[in-house]
Amino acid sequence: MPNKKSAEKRLRQSEKARLVNRAVRSEIRTSLKKVRGAQSKDEALKELPNLFSLLDKAAQKSQANMKANTASNYKRKAHLVVSKLSA
């Protein structure tokens, strides 16, 4: 347990950030599964804007260990999956 008031506050802040990061990461992973598991190109294209939005927001706020380059890599890979699906 922390001995100082500032350490207690930091503990509270880090716990709150951990929960937010976990929720954001879970949302991104769920959306990725929908894109990767889509049976048709139309299904994947419906989920793609949602995935891109989540990635961009996470990168902008530096949540879920997501930087701009990481988000860009995820977007590129998702786009490749969609392009390989048959219409």
C-alpha atoms as a PDB file:
ATOM      1  CA  MET A   1       0.000   0.000   0.000  1.00  0.00           C
ATOM      2  CA  PRO A   2       1.192   3.525  -0.750  1.00  0.00           C
ATOM      3  CA  ASN A   3       2.499   5.608   2.106  1.00  0.00           C
ATOM      4  CA  LYS A   4       2.036   9.026   0.551  1.00  0.00           C
ATOM      5  CA  LYS A   5      -1.054  10.831  -0.607  1.00  0.00           C
ATOM      6  CA  SER A   6       0.325  11.364  -4.108  1.00  0.00           C
ATOM      7  CA  ALA A   7       1.076   7.651  -4.413  1.00  0.00           C
ATOM      8  CA  GLU A   8      -2.494   6.821  -3.387  1.00  0.00           C
ATOM      9  CA  LYS A   9      -3.828   9.180  -6.036  1.00  0.00           C
ATOM     10  CA  ARG A  10      -1.536   7.697  -8.670  1.00  0.00           C
ATOM     11  CA  LEU A  11      -2.803   4.228  -7.734  1.00  0.00           C
ATOM     12  CA  ARG A  12      -6.406   5.358  -8.235  1.00  0.00           C
ATOM     13  CA  GLN A  13      -5.558   6.989 -11.562  1.00  0.00           C
ATOM     14  CA  SER A  14      -3.679   3.996 -12.903  1.00  0.00           C
ATOM     15  CA  GLU A  15      -6.495   1.621 -11.938  1.00  0.00           C
ATOM     16  CA  LYS A  16      -9.045   3.806 -13.718  1.00  0.00           C
ATOM     17  CA  ALA A  17      -6.813   3.998 -16.810  1.00  0.00           C
ATOM     18  CA  ARG A  18      -6.314   0.222 -16.753  1.00  0.00           C
ATOM     19  CA  LEU A  19     -10.060  -0.369 -16.842  1.00  0.00           C
ATOM     20  CA  VAL A  20     -10.560   2.109 -19.698  1.00  0.00           C
ATOM     21  CA  ASN A  21      -7.699   0.574 -21.669  1.00  0.00           C
ATOM     22  CA  ARG A  22      -9.103  -2.891 -21.137  1.00  0.00           C
ATOM     23  CA  ALA A  23     -12.557  -1.862 -22.355  1.00  0.00           C
ATOM     24  CA  VAL A  24     -11.170  -0.110 -25.439  1.00  0.00           C
ATOM     25  CA  ARG A  25      -8.908  -3.046 -26.308  1.00  0.00           C
ATOM     26  CA  SER A  26     -11.832  -5.445 -25.926  1.00  0.00           C
ATOM     27  CA  GLU A  27     -14.023  -3.339 -28.218  1.00  0.00           C
ATOM     28  CA  ILE A  28     -11.288  -3.219 -30.876  1.00  0.00           C
ATOM     29  CA  ARG A  29     -10.722  -6.965 -30.682  1.00  0.00           C
ATOM     30  CA  THR A  30     -14.445  -7.690 -30.977  1.00  0.00           C
ATOM     31  CA  SER A  31     -14.709  -5.483 -34.045  1.00  0.00           C
ATOM     32  CA  LEU A  32     -11.638  -7.150 -35.565  1.00  0.00           C
ATOM     33  CA  LYS A  33     -13.219 -10.563 -35.050  1.00  0.00           C
ATOM     34  CA  LYS A  34     -16.342  -9.393 -36.872  1.00  0.00           C
ATOM     35  CA  VAL A  35     -14.271  -8.196 -39.832  1.00  0.00           C
ATOM     36  CA  ARG A  36     -12.065 -11.288 -39.963  1.00  0.00           C
ATOM     37  CA  GLY A  37     -14.980 -13.683 -39.482  1.00  0.00           C
ATOM     38  CA  ALA A  38     -17.244 -12.068 -42.043  1.00  0.00           C
ATOM     39  CA  GLN A  39     -18.673 -14.472 -44.596  1.00  0.00           C
ATOM     40  CA  SER A  40     -19.180 -11.859 -47.293  1.00  0.00           C
ATOM     41  CA  LYS A  41     -17.515  -8.648 -48.320  1.00  0.00           C
ATOM     42  CA  ASP A  42     -20.675  -6.675 -47.502  1.00  0.00           C
ATOM     43  CA  GLU A  43     -20.634  -7.851 -43.868  1.00  0.00           C
ATOM     44  CA  ALA A  44     -16.995  -6.855 -43.492  1.00  0.00           C
ATOM     45  CA  LEU A  45     -17.543  -3.484 -45.159  1.00  0.00           C
ATOM     46  CA  LYS A  46     -20.341  -2.698 -42.691  1.00  0.00           C
ATOM     47  CA  GLU A  47     -18.040  -3.258 -39.704  1.00  0.00           C
ATOM     48  CA  LEU A  48     -14.940  -1.602 -41.200  1.00  0.00           C
ATOM     49  CA  PRO A  49     -15.914   2.060 -40.475  1.00  0.00           C
ATOM     50  CA  ASN A  50     -16.645   1.140 -36.845  1.00  0.00           C
ATOM     51  CA  LEU A  51     -13.261  -0.569 -36.505  1.00  0.00           C
ATOM     52  CA  PHE A  52     -11.416   2.348 -38.099  1.00  0.00           C
ATOM     53  CA  SER A  53     -13.211   4.789 -35.820  1.00  0.00           C
ATOM     54  CA  LEU A  54     -12.294   2.804 -32.702  1.00  0.00           C
ATOM     55  CA  LEU A  55      -8.660   2.559 -33.785  1.00  0.00           C
ATOM     56  CA  ASP A  56      -8.401   6.262 -34.590  1.00  0.00           C
ATOM     57  CA  LYS A  57      -9.973   7.299 -31.292  1.00  0.00           C
ATOM     58  CA  ALA A  58      -7.723   4.977 -29.292  1.00  0.00           C
ATOM     59  CA  ALA A  59      -4.627   6.253 -31.102  1.00  0.00           C
ATOM     60  CA  GLN A  60      -5.643   9.875 -30.625  1.00  0.00           C
ATOM     61  CA  LYS A  61      -6.180   9.399 -26.886  1.00  0.00           C
ATOM     62  CA  SER A  62      -3.247   6.957 -26.512  1.00  0.00           C
ATOM     63  CA  GLN A  63      -5.538   4.346 -25.018  1.00  0.00           C
ATOM     64  CA  ALA A  64      -5.005   0.588 -24.977  1.00  0.00           C
ATOM     65  CA  ASN A  65      -1.326   1.000 -25.873  1.00  0.00           C
ATOM     66  CA  MET A  66      -2.420   2.228 -29.302  1.00  0.00           C
ATOM     67  CA  LYS A  67      -0.171   4.647 -31.151  1.00  0.00           C
ATOM     68  CA  ALA A  68      -0.835   6.068 -34.603  1.00  0.00           C
ATOM     69  CA  ASN A  69       1.442   3.564 -36.355  1.00  0.00           C
ATOM     70  CA  THR A  70      -0.097   0.608 -34.522  1.00  0.00           C
ATOM     71  CA  ALA A  71      -3.589   1.754 -35.495  1.00  0.00           C
ATOM     72  CA  SER A  72      -2.438   2.197 -39.076  1.00  0.00           C
ATOM     73  CA  ASN A  73      -1.057  -1.356 -39.157  1.00  0.00           C
ATOM     74  CA  TYR A  74      -4.334  -2.774 -37.832  1.00  0.00           C
ATOM     75  CA  LYS A  75      -6.280  -0.804 -40.445  1.00  0.00           C
ATOM     76  CA  ARG A  76      -4.028  -2.038 -43.253  1.00  0.00           C
ATOM     77  CA  LYS A  77      -4.383  -5.664 -42.161  1.00  0.00           C
ATOM     78  CA  ALA A  78      -8.168  -5.342 -41.862  1.00  0.00           C
ATOM     79  CA  HIS A  79      -8.329  -3.802 -45.305  1.00  0.00           C
ATOM     80  CA  LEU A  80      -6.323  -6.720 -46.726  1.00  0.00           C
ATOM     81  CA  VAL A  81      -8.768  -9.197 -45.188  1.00  0.00           C
ATOM     82  CA  VAL A  82     -11.708  -7.356 -46.762  1.00  0.00           C
ATOM     83  CA  SER A  83     -10.052  -7.124 -50.166  1.00  0.00           C
ATOM     84  CA  LYS A  84      -9.440 -10.900 -50.198  1.00  0.00           C
ATOM     85  CA  LEU A  85     -13.123 -11.662 -49.597  1.00  0.00           C
ATOM     86  CA  SER A  86     -15.212 -12.369 -52.645  1.00  0.00           C
ATOM     87  CA  ALA A  87     -18.175 -10.130 -53.348  1.00  0.00           C
END
